[in-house]
Amino acid sequence: MRQFSLRGIWSVALSAFITLSTVGQEVQSKAKSQSSQNPLRILLITSGCCHDYDFQTKAMQLALKKRGVLATWDVVSEGGTGTSAQIGLYDKADWADGYDLVIHNECFANTTEAGYIRRITDVHRKGVNAVVIHCAMHTYRSAEIDDWREFLGVTSRRHEHKSHYPIEVVESSHPIMKGFPSGYRSALDELYIIEKVWPNTEVLATSTSEKTGQKHPVFWTNRFGKCRVFGTTYGHSNETFQDEVFLQALTNGVLWATGNVSAAE
């Protein structure tokens, strides 16, 4: 039987804590710089199938506040708990006017009407920045057009089982992933199968399928027209939205997408 040193275990744990604390201090410093100006105006689109959206909404709001990111939130939670819905907000041509960021955390796989989808993507293409989380990748997956998938930066139509997946950082110098703990495993979550990475996407981190051994992006950025997009396929479970490492990366992604940190930092 393999023997483990208690001193070694504490050393690894302390190292991870120090790393995360240091990154948190760096991001809080950037957040204070941001919050000394005007608060971010965030529009959160949420609801649909399969997740505890109320919990996730509160967790995101608390995570940004805890890390010093000053923000005002408008939350649109419409469409019920099914897989097909058209939200009335998108009937307005100016639905995103005045917002610094739109967070998409909805799950409507079987909504397919092209005109409706393009009323969303056209606004982002013109420069409304975004963060896309988990089932946003499967939203509109039954649609024939690719506009939403190009906006996301990845194409995915299915996922594998829940597990604690190792996260391998690909771009450690990127501000979103800077200081991300080495050897880190996700909270219990689903691995999304990525069929395609779009040309303007930069993969930041991957996880490996326990079934096929194939690596799939789990954190990335995308440039879609004039807008910045940060995406993650993690976010299924409440455990993920209680995971400080995930919440730190999400906060970093919000700051990057809104132009408060740059890839050069």
C-alpha atoms as a PDB file:
ATOM      1  CA  MET A   1       0.000   0.000   0.000  1.00  0.00           C
ATOM      2  CA  ARG A   2       1.314   3.419  -0.927  1.00  0.00           C
ATOM      3  CA  GLN A   3       2.238   5.602   2.050  1.00  0.00           C
ATOM      4  CA  PHE A   4       1.401   9.294   2.058  1.00  0.00           C
ATOM      5  CA  SER A   5       3.247  11.914   4.081  1.00  0.00           C
ATOM      6  CA  LEU A   6       0.941  14.151   6.107  1.00  0.00           C
ATOM      7  CA  ARG A   7       3.522  16.912   5.760  1.00  0.00           C
ATOM      8  CA  GLY A   8       3.441  16.465   1.958  1.00  0.00           C
ATOM      9  CA  ILE A   9      -0.360  16.635   1.840  1.00  0.00           C
ATOM     10  CA  TRP A  10      -0.402  19.826   3.887  1.00  0.00           C
ATOM     11  CA  SER A  11       2.344  21.269   1.689  1.00  0.00           C
ATOM     12  CA  VAL A  12       0.289  20.703  -1.488  1.00  0.00           C
ATOM     13  CA  ALA A  13      -2.857  22.096   0.122  1.00  0.00           C
ATOM     14  CA  LEU A  14      -1.017  25.164   1.425  1.00  0.00           C
ATOM     15  CA  SER A  15       0.575  25.756  -1.994  1.00  0.00           C
ATOM     16  CA  ALA A  16      -2.825  25.664  -3.730  1.00  0.00           C
ATOM     17  CA  PHE A  17      -4.279  28.019  -1.100  1.00  0.00           C
ATOM     18  CA  ILE A  18      -1.438  30.496  -1.466  1.00  0.00           C
ATOM     19  CA  THR A  19      -1.684  30.401  -5.269  1.00  0.00           C
ATOM     20  CA  LEU A  20      -5.432  31.023  -5.235  1.00  0.00           C
ATOM     21  CA  SER A  21      -5.080  33.749  -2.594  1.00  0.00           C
ATOM     22  CA  THR A  22      -2.397  35.512  -4.646  1.00  0.00           C
ATOM     23  CA  VAL A  23      -4.493  35.406  -7.804  1.00  0.00           C
ATOM     24  CA  GLY A  24      -7.482  36.638  -5.827  1.00  0.00           C
ATOM     25  CA  GLN A  25      -5.461  39.602  -4.568  1.00  0.00           C
ATOM     26  CA  GLU A  26      -4.329  40.442  -8.121  1.00  0.00           C
ATOM     27  CA  VAL A  27      -7.870  40.295  -9.492  1.00  0.00           C
ATOM     28  CA  GLN A  28      -9.252  42.237  -6.535  1.00  0.00           C
ATOM     29  CA  SER A  29      -6.686  44.938  -7.281  1.00  0.00           C
ATOM     30  CA  LYS A  30      -7.899  45.107 -10.886  1.00  0.00           C
ATOM     31  CA  ALA A  31     -11.513  44.979  -9.677  1.00  0.00           C
ATOM     32  CA  LYS A  32     -10.926  47.898  -7.308  1.00  0.00           C
ATOM     33  CA  SER A  33      -9.546  49.856 -10.245  1.00  0.00           C
ATOM     34  CA  GLN A  34     -12.691  49.032 -12.184  1.00  0.00           C
ATOM     35  CA  SER A  35     -15.072  49.735  -9.313  1.00  0.00           C
ATOM     36  CA  SER A  36     -13.467  53.110  -8.632  1.00  0.00           C
ATOM     37  CA  GLN A  37     -15.037  54.161 -11.912  1.00  0.00           C
ATOM     38  CA  ASN A  38     -18.580  53.063 -12.735  1.00  0.00           C
ATOM     39  CA  PRO A  39     -20.186  49.750 -11.768  1.00  0.00           C
ATOM     40  CA  LEU A  40     -20.501  47.185 -14.522  1.00  0.00           C
ATOM     41  CA  ARG A  41     -24.027  46.917 -15.865  1.00  0.00           C
ATOM     42  CA  ILE A  42     -24.698  43.199 -16.257  1.00  0.00           C
ATOM     43  CA  LEU A  43     -27.688  41.568 -17.916  1.00  0.00           C
ATOM     44  CA  LEU A  44     -28.105  37.907 -16.947  1.00  0.00           C
ATOM     45  CA  ILE A  45     -30.298  35.711 -19.138  1.00  0.00           C
ATOM     46  CA  THR A  46     -31.161  32.519 -17.288  1.00  0.00           C
ATOM     47  CA  SER A  47     -33.740  29.713 -17.026  1.00  0.00           C
ATOM     48  CA  GLY A  48     -34.682  26.579 -18.929  1.00  0.00           C
ATOM     49  CA  CYS A  49     -33.973  22.940 -18.371  1.00  0.00           C
ATOM     50  CA  CYS A  50     -31.952  21.016 -15.873  1.00  0.00           C
ATOM     51  CA  HIS A  51     -30.235  23.388 -13.393  1.00  0.00           C
ATOM     52  CA  ASP A  52     -30.733  25.376 -10.193  1.00  0.00           C
ATOM     53  CA  TYR A  53     -30.680  28.807 -11.810  1.00  0.00           C
ATOM     54  CA  ASP A  54     -31.718  30.762  -8.712  1.00  0.00           C
ATOM     55  CA  PHE A  55     -28.775  29.333  -6.770  1.00  0.00           C
ATOM     56  CA  GLN A  56     -26.367  29.946  -9.638  1.00  0.00           C
ATOM     57  CA  THR A  57     -27.539  33.550 -10.041  1.00  0.00           C
ATOM     58  CA  LYS A  58     -26.973  34.354  -6.380  1.00  0.00           C
ATOM     59  CA  ALA A  59     -23.610  32.569  -6.403  1.00  0.00           C
ATOM     60  CA  MET A  60     -22.357  34.653  -9.349  1.00  0.00           C
ATOM     61  CA  GLN A  61     -23.517  37.899  -7.812  1.00  0.00           C
ATOM     62  CA  LEU A  62     -21.864  37.094  -4.480  1.00  0.00           C
ATOM     63  CA  ALA A  63     -18.656  35.917  -6.174  1.00  0.00           C
ATOM     64  CA  LEU A  64     -18.149  39.201  -8.013  1.00  0.00           C
ATOM     65  CA  LYS A  65     -19.008  41.235  -4.930  1.00  0.00           C
ATOM     66  CA  LYS A  66     -16.609  39.200  -2.780  1.00  0.00           C
ATOM     67  CA  ARG A  67     -13.818  39.875  -5.281  1.00  0.00           C
ATOM     68  CA  GLY A  68     -14.427  43.612  -5.360  1.00  0.00           C
ATOM     69  CA  VAL A  69     -16.191  43.838  -8.717  1.00  0.00           C
ATOM     70  CA  LEU A  70     -18.832  46.547  -8.445  1.00  0.00           C
ATOM     71  CA  ALA A  71     -21.837  45.667 -10.606  1.00  0.00           C
ATOM     72  CA  THR A  72     -25.525  46.270 -11.053  1.00  0.00           C
ATOM     73  CA  TRP A  73     -27.559  43.306 -12.247  1.00  0.00           C
ATOM     74  CA  ASP A  74     -30.714  42.883 -14.279  1.00  0.00           C
ATOM     75  CA  VAL A  75     -31.865  39.261 -14.321  1.00  0.00           C
ATOM     76  CA  VAL A  76     -34.249  37.906 -16.959  1.00  0.00           C
ATOM     77  CA  SER A  77     -35.548  34.480 -15.925  1.00  0.00           C
ATOM     78  CA  GLU A  78     -38.221  33.533 -18.430  1.00  0.00           C
ATOM     79  CA  GLY A  79     -39.207  30.577 -20.563  1.00  0.00           C
ATOM     80  CA  GLY A  80     -39.965  28.009 -17.873  1.00  0.00           C
ATOM     81  CA  THR A  81     -38.092  24.755 -17.300  1.00  0.00           C
ATOM     82  CA  GLY A  82     -38.538  23.108 -20.668  1.00  0.00           C
ATOM     83  CA  THR A  83     -36.175  22.855 -23.626  1.00  0.00           C
ATOM     84  CA  SER A  84     -37.926  25.260 -25.996  1.00  0.00           C
ATOM     85  CA  ALA A  85     -38.783  28.911 -25.404  1.00  0.00           C
ATOM     86  CA  GLN A  86     -38.647  32.332 -26.998  1.00  0.00           C
ATOM     87  CA  ILE A  87     -38.013  35.123 -24.516  1.00  0.00           C
ATOM     88  CA  GLY A  88     -39.954  38.354 -25.056  1.00  0.00           C
ATOM     89  CA  LEU A  89     -36.903  40.477 -24.261  1.00  0.00           C
ATOM     90  CA  TYR A  90     -35.366  39.599 -27.630  1.00  0.00           C
ATOM     91  CA  ASP A  91     -38.331  41.076 -29.494  1.00  0.00           C
ATOM     92  CA  LYS A  92     -36.853  44.497 -28.753  1.00  0.00           C
ATOM     93  CA  ALA A  93     -34.171  45.732 -31.123  1.00  0.00           C
ATOM     94  CA  ASP A  94     -32.460  47.538 -28.236  1.00  0.00           C
ATOM     95  CA  TRP A  95     -32.636  44.627 -25.773  1.00  0.00           C
ATOM     96  CA  ALA A  96     -28.980  44.977 -24.717  1.00  0.00           C
ATOM     97  CA  ASP A  97     -28.585  48.755 -24.891  1.00  0.00           C
ATOM     98  CA  GLY A  98     -26.660  50.224 -21.966  1.00  0.00           C
ATOM     99  CA  TYR A  99     -25.149  46.951 -20.721  1.00  0.00           C
ATOM    100  CA  ASP A 100     -21.430  46.308 -20.391  1.00  0.00           C
ATOM    101  CA  LEU A 101     -21.951  42.555 -20.387  1.00  0.00           C
ATOM    102  CA  VAL A 102     -24.570  39.907 -21.079  1.00  0.00           C
ATOM    103  CA  ILE A 103     -24.211  36.600 -19.242  1.00  0.00           C
ATOM    104  CA  HIS A 104     -25.971  33.716 -20.996  1.00  0.00           C
ATOM    105  CA  ASN A 105     -26.814  30.911 -18.569  1.00  0.00           C
ATOM    106  CA  GLU A 106     -29.942  29.569 -20.232  1.00  0.00           C
ATOM    107  CA  CYS A 107     -30.807  26.098 -21.540  1.00  0.00           C
ATOM    108  CA  PHE A 108     -33.213  25.912 -24.495  1.00  0.00           C
ATOM    109  CA  ALA A 109     -31.898  23.186 -26.781  1.00  0.00           C
ATOM    110  CA  ASN A 110     -34.920  22.873 -29.035  1.00  0.00           C
ATOM    111  CA  THR A 111     -35.552  26.515 -29.926  1.00  0.00           C
ATOM    112  CA  THR A 112     -34.745  26.673 -33.631  1.00  0.00           C
ATOM    113  CA  GLU A 113     -36.301  29.768 -35.268  1.00  0.00           C
ATOM    114  CA  ALA A 114     -33.504  31.486 -37.205  1.00  0.00           C
ATOM    115  CA  GLY A 115     -34.848  35.041 -37.004  1.00  0.00           C
ATOM    116  CA  TYR A 116     -35.180  34.813 -33.239  1.00  0.00           C
ATOM    117  CA  ILE A 117     -31.618  33.503 -32.805  1.00  0.00           C
ATOM    118  CA  ARG A 118     -30.179  36.176 -35.064  1.00  0.00           C
ATOM    119  CA  ARG A 119     -31.873  38.922 -33.040  1.00  0.00           C
ATOM    120  CA  ILE A 120     -29.541  37.779 -30.249  1.00  0.00           C
ATOM    121  CA  THR A 121     -26.344  37.156 -32.176  1.00  0.00           C
ATOM    122  CA  ASP A 122     -26.582  40.305 -34.329  1.00  0.00           C
ATOM    123  CA  VAL A 123     -26.524  42.467 -31.201  1.00  0.00           C
ATOM    124  CA  HIS A 124     -23.442  40.687 -29.903  1.00  0.00           C
ATOM    125  CA  ARG A 125     -21.725  40.889 -33.277  1.00  0.00           C
ATOM    126  CA  LYS A 126     -22.061  44.681 -33.091  1.00  0.00           C
ATOM    127  CA  GLY A 127     -20.119  44.804 -29.827  1.00  0.00           C
ATOM    128  CA  VAL A 128     -22.110  43.687 -26.757  1.00  0.00           C
ATOM    129  CA  ASN A 129     -19.652  41.563 -24.764  1.00  0.00           C
ATOM    130  CA  ALA A 130     -20.677  38.236 -23.253  1.00  0.00           C
ATOM    131  CA  VAL A 131     -19.975  35.406 -20.845  1.00  0.00           C
ATOM    132  CA  VAL A 132     -21.485  32.032 -21.797  1.00  0.00           C
ATOM    133  CA  ILE A 133     -21.869  29.256 -19.231  1.00  0.00           C
ATOM    134  CA  HIS A 134     -22.486  25.504 -19.480  1.00  0.00           C
ATOM    135  CA  CYS A 135     -25.881  24.831 -21.090  1.00  0.00           C
ATOM    136  CA  ALA A 136     -25.651  28.004 -23.163  1.00  0.00           C
ATOM    137  CA  MET A 137     -23.506  25.749 -25.355  1.00  0.00           C
ATOM    138  CA  HIS A 138     -26.455  23.397 -25.901  1.00  0.00           C
ATOM    139  CA  THR A 139     -28.988  26.182 -26.283  1.00  0.00           C
ATOM    140  CA  TYR A 140     -30.295  26.306 -29.887  1.00  0.00           C
ATOM    141  CA  ARG A 141     -28.324  23.132 -30.660  1.00  0.00           C
ATOM    142  CA  SER A 142     -31.197  21.859 -32.824  1.00  0.00           C
ATOM    143  CA  ALA A 143     -31.114  24.965 -35.021  1.00  0.00           C
ATOM    144  CA  GLU A 144     -29.892  24.560 -38.583  1.00  0.00           C
ATOM    145  CA  ILE A 145     -28.043  27.874 -38.624  1.00  0.00           C
ATOM    146  CA  ASP A 146     -24.581  28.219 -37.032  1.00  0.00           C
ATOM    147  CA  ASP A 147     -24.814  31.837 -35.870  1.00  0.00           C
ATOM    148  CA  TRP A 148     -25.166  30.994 -32.162  1.00  0.00           C
ATOM    149  CA  ARG A 149     -22.391  28.411 -32.286  1.00  0.00           C
ATOM    150  CA  GLU A 150     -20.056  30.879 -33.982  1.00  0.00           C
ATOM    151  CA  PHE A 151     -20.900  33.416 -31.262  1.00  0.00           C
ATOM    152  CA  LEU A 152     -20.131  30.879 -28.511  1.00  0.00           C
ATOM    153  CA  GLY A 153     -16.829  29.932 -30.135  1.00  0.00           C
ATOM    154  CA  VAL A 154     -17.458  26.182 -29.835  1.00  0.00           C
ATOM    155  CA  THR A 155     -19.971  23.663 -31.120  1.00  0.00           C
ATOM    156  CA  SER A 156     -21.344  21.079 -28.687  1.00  0.00           C
ATOM    157  CA  ARG A 157     -24.451  18.907 -28.775  1.00  0.00           C
ATOM    158  CA  ARG A 158     -23.904  16.374 -25.974  1.00  0.00           C
ATOM    159  CA  HIS A 159     -22.091  15.717 -22.726  1.00  0.00           C
ATOM    160  CA  GLU A 160     -20.561  12.819 -20.838  1.00  0.00           C
ATOM    161  CA  HIS A 161     -21.116  11.719 -17.250  1.00  0.00           C
ATOM    162  CA  LYS A 162     -20.460  13.786 -14.138  1.00  0.00           C
ATOM    163  CA  SER A 163     -17.041  13.470 -12.537  1.00  0.00           C
ATOM    164  CA  HIS A 164     -14.243  15.456 -10.911  1.00  0.00           C
ATOM    165  CA  TYR A 165     -12.311  16.202 -14.107  1.00  0.00           C
ATOM    166  CA  PRO A 166      -8.677  17.344 -14.060  1.00  0.00           C
ATOM    167  CA  ILE A 167      -8.322  20.782 -15.665  1.00  0.00           C
ATOM    168  CA  GLU A 168      -5.205  21.259 -17.783  1.00  0.00           C
ATOM    169  CA  VAL A 169      -4.314  24.903 -18.398  1.00  0.00           C
ATOM    170  CA  VAL A 170      -3.244  25.541 -21.984  1.00  0.00           C
ATOM    171  CA  GLU A 171      -2.602  29.291 -21.765  1.00  0.00           C
ATOM    172  CA  SER A 172      -1.166  29.934 -18.309  1.00  0.00           C
ATOM    173  CA  SER A 173      -0.139  33.506 -19.164  1.00  0.00           C
ATOM    174  CA  HIS A 174      -3.665  34.585 -20.072  1.00  0.00           C
ATOM    175  CA  PRO A 175      -5.152  36.794 -17.316  1.00  0.00           C
ATOM    176  CA  ILE A 176      -8.202  34.573 -16.990  1.00  0.00           C
ATOM    177  CA  MET A 177      -6.062  31.515 -16.163  1.00  0.00           C
ATOM    178  CA  LYS A 178      -3.050  33.177 -14.574  1.00  0.00           C
ATOM    179  CA  GLY A 179      -2.238  31.407 -11.308  1.00  0.00           C
ATOM    180  CA  PHE A 180      -4.830  28.663 -11.846  1.00  0.00           C
ATOM    181  CA  PRO A 181      -3.794  25.809  -9.485  1.00  0.00           C
ATOM    182  CA  SER A 182      -1.749  23.053 -11.107  1.00  0.00           C
ATOM    183  CA  GLY A 183      -3.301  19.596 -10.947  1.00  0.00           C
ATOM    184  CA  TYR A 184      -6.707  20.996 -10.076  1.00  0.00           C
ATOM    185  CA  ARG A 185      -9.860  18.868 -10.424  1.00  0.00           C
ATOM    186  CA  SER A 186     -13.280  20.341 -11.080  1.00  0.00           C
ATOM    187  CA  ALA A 187     -16.188  20.152  -8.706  1.00  0.00           C
ATOM    188  CA  LEU A 188     -18.598  17.360  -9.685  1.00  0.00           C
ATOM    189  CA  ASP A 189     -19.658  18.409 -13.168  1.00  0.00           C
ATOM    190  CA  GLU A 190     -20.388  17.270 -16.720  1.00  0.00           C
ATOM    191  CA  LEU A 191     -17.829  17.180 -19.511  1.00  0.00           C
ATOM    192  CA  TYR A 192     -19.205  18.683 -22.723  1.00  0.00           C
ATOM    193  CA  ILE A 193     -18.102  17.116 -25.975  1.00  0.00           C
ATOM    194  CA  ILE A 194     -16.762  19.852 -28.256  1.00  0.00           C
ATOM    195  CA  GLU A 195     -17.251  18.997 -31.919  1.00  0.00           C
ATOM    196  CA  LYS A 196     -15.705  22.167 -33.308  1.00  0.00           C
ATOM    197  CA  VAL A 197     -13.567  25.045 -32.124  1.00  0.00           C
ATOM    198  CA  TRP A 198     -14.320  28.137 -34.206  1.00  0.00           C
ATOM    199  CA  PRO A 199     -11.457  30.101 -35.849  1.00  0.00           C
ATOM    200  CA  ASN A 200     -11.496  33.115 -33.494  1.00  0.00           C
ATOM    201  CA  THR A 201     -11.506  30.993 -30.348  1.00  0.00           C
ATOM    202  CA  GLU A 202      -8.510  30.737 -28.027  1.00  0.00           C
ATOM    203  CA  VAL A 203      -8.641  27.636 -25.830  1.00  0.00           C
ATOM    204  CA  LEU A 204      -7.449  28.388 -22.294  1.00  0.00           C
ATOM    205  CA  ALA A 205      -7.916  25.027 -20.568  1.00  0.00           C
ATOM    206  CA  THR A 206      -9.071  21.501 -21.362  1.00  0.00           C
ATOM    207  CA  SER A 207     -10.339  18.389 -19.618  1.00  0.00           C
ATOM    208  CA  THR A 208      -9.969  14.821 -20.856  1.00  0.00           C
ATOM    209  CA  SER A 209     -12.810  12.393 -21.500  1.00  0.00           C
ATOM    210  CA  GLU A 210     -12.742   9.392 -19.184  1.00  0.00           C
ATOM    211  CA  LYS A 211     -14.339   7.378 -21.990  1.00  0.00           C
ATOM    212  CA  THR A 212     -12.305   8.285 -25.066  1.00  0.00           C
ATOM    213  CA  GLY A 213      -9.184  10.052 -23.772  1.00  0.00           C
ATOM    214  CA  GLN A 214      -9.984  13.024 -26.019  1.00  0.00           C
ATOM    215  CA  LYS A 215      -9.306  16.533 -24.704  1.00  0.00           C
ATOM    216  CA  HIS A 216     -12.137  19.061 -24.783  1.00  0.00           C
ATOM    217  CA  PRO A 217     -12.009  22.820 -24.142  1.00  0.00           C
ATOM    218  CA  VAL A 218     -13.552  23.846 -20.816  1.00  0.00           C
ATOM    219  CA  PHE A 219     -12.414  27.507 -20.655  1.00  0.00           C
ATOM    220  CA  TRP A 220     -11.863  29.731 -23.713  1.00  0.00           C
ATOM    221  CA  THR A 221     -12.235  33.188 -25.219  1.00  0.00           C
ATOM    222  CA  ASN A 222     -13.783  34.124 -28.541  1.00  0.00           C
ATOM    223  CA  ARG A 223     -13.905  37.223 -30.728  1.00  0.00           C
ATOM    224  CA  PHE A 224     -17.268  37.509 -32.476  1.00  0.00           C
ATOM    225  CA  GLY A 225     -17.514  40.594 -34.633  1.00  0.00           C
ATOM    226  CA  LYS A 226     -16.765  43.499 -32.286  1.00  0.00           C
ATOM    227  CA  CYS A 227     -17.515  41.633 -29.047  1.00  0.00           C
ATOM    228  CA  ARG A 228     -15.452  39.638 -26.582  1.00  0.00           C
ATOM    229  CA  VAL A 229     -16.789  36.314 -25.329  1.00  0.00           C
ATOM    230  CA  PHE A 230     -15.565  34.257 -22.373  1.00  0.00           C
ATOM    231  CA  GLY A 231     -16.926  30.727 -22.168  1.00  0.00           C
ATOM    232  CA  THR A 232     -16.901  27.700 -19.902  1.00  0.00           C
ATOM    233  CA  THR A 233     -18.672  24.382 -20.266  1.00  0.00           C
ATOM    234  CA  TYR A 234     -18.567  23.804 -16.517  1.00  0.00           C
ATOM    235  CA  GLY A 235     -21.487  25.017 -14.406  1.00  0.00           C
ATOM    236  CA  HIS A 236     -23.936  22.118 -14.150  1.00  0.00           C
ATOM    237  CA  SER A 237     -23.909  21.580 -10.416  1.00  0.00           C
ATOM    238  CA  ASN A 238     -24.379  23.794  -7.384  1.00  0.00           C
ATOM    239  CA  GLU A 239     -21.026  22.415  -6.225  1.00  0.00           C
ATOM    240  CA  THR A 240     -19.376  24.148  -9.175  1.00  0.00           C
ATOM    241  CA  PHE A 241     -20.937  27.450  -8.154  1.00  0.00           C
ATOM    242  CA  GLN A 242     -19.524  26.928  -4.661  1.00  0.00           C
ATOM    243  CA  ASP A 243     -16.043  26.162  -6.002  1.00  0.00           C
ATOM    244  CA  GLU A 244     -13.730  29.120  -5.320  1.00  0.00           C
ATOM    245  CA  VAL A 245     -11.376  28.193  -8.173  1.00  0.00           C
ATOM    246  CA  PHE A 246     -14.233  28.153 -10.690  1.00  0.00           C
ATOM    247  CA  LEU A 247     -15.680  31.387  -9.306  1.00  0.00           C
ATOM    248  CA  GLN A 248     -12.255  33.037  -9.543  1.00  0.00           C
ATOM    249  CA  ALA A 249     -11.931  32.036 -13.218  1.00  0.00           C
ATOM    250  CA  LEU A 250     -15.477  33.238 -13.862  1.00  0.00           C
ATOM    251  CA  THR A 251     -14.707  36.596 -12.247  1.00  0.00           C
ATOM    252  CA  ASN A 252     -11.534  36.874 -14.326  1.00  0.00           C
ATOM    253  CA  GLY A 253     -13.615  36.101 -17.417  1.00  0.00           C
ATOM    254  CA  VAL A 254     -16.085  38.860 -16.589  1.00  0.00           C
ATOM    255  CA  LEU A 255     -13.235  41.357 -16.175  1.00  0.00           C
ATOM    256  CA  TRP A 256     -11.570  40.243 -19.416  1.00  0.00           C
ATOM    257  CA  ALA A 257     -14.797  40.318 -21.438  1.00  0.00           C
ATOM    258  CA  THR A 258     -15.548  43.855 -20.247  1.00  0.00           C
ATOM    259  CA  GLY A 259     -12.042  45.055 -21.092  1.00  0.00           C
ATOM    260  CA  ASN A 260     -10.915  45.538 -17.488  1.00  0.00           C
ATOM    261  CA  VAL A 261      -7.982  43.183 -17.964  1.00  0.00           C
ATOM    262  CA  SER A 262      -6.268  42.450 -21.285  1.00  0.00           C
ATOM    263  CA  ALA A 263      -4.468  39.461 -22.719  1.00  0.00           C
ATOM    264  CA  ALA A 264      -1.236  41.433 -22.451  1.00  0.00           C
ATOM    265  CA  GLU A 265      -1.426  41.702 -18.642  1.00  0.00           C
END
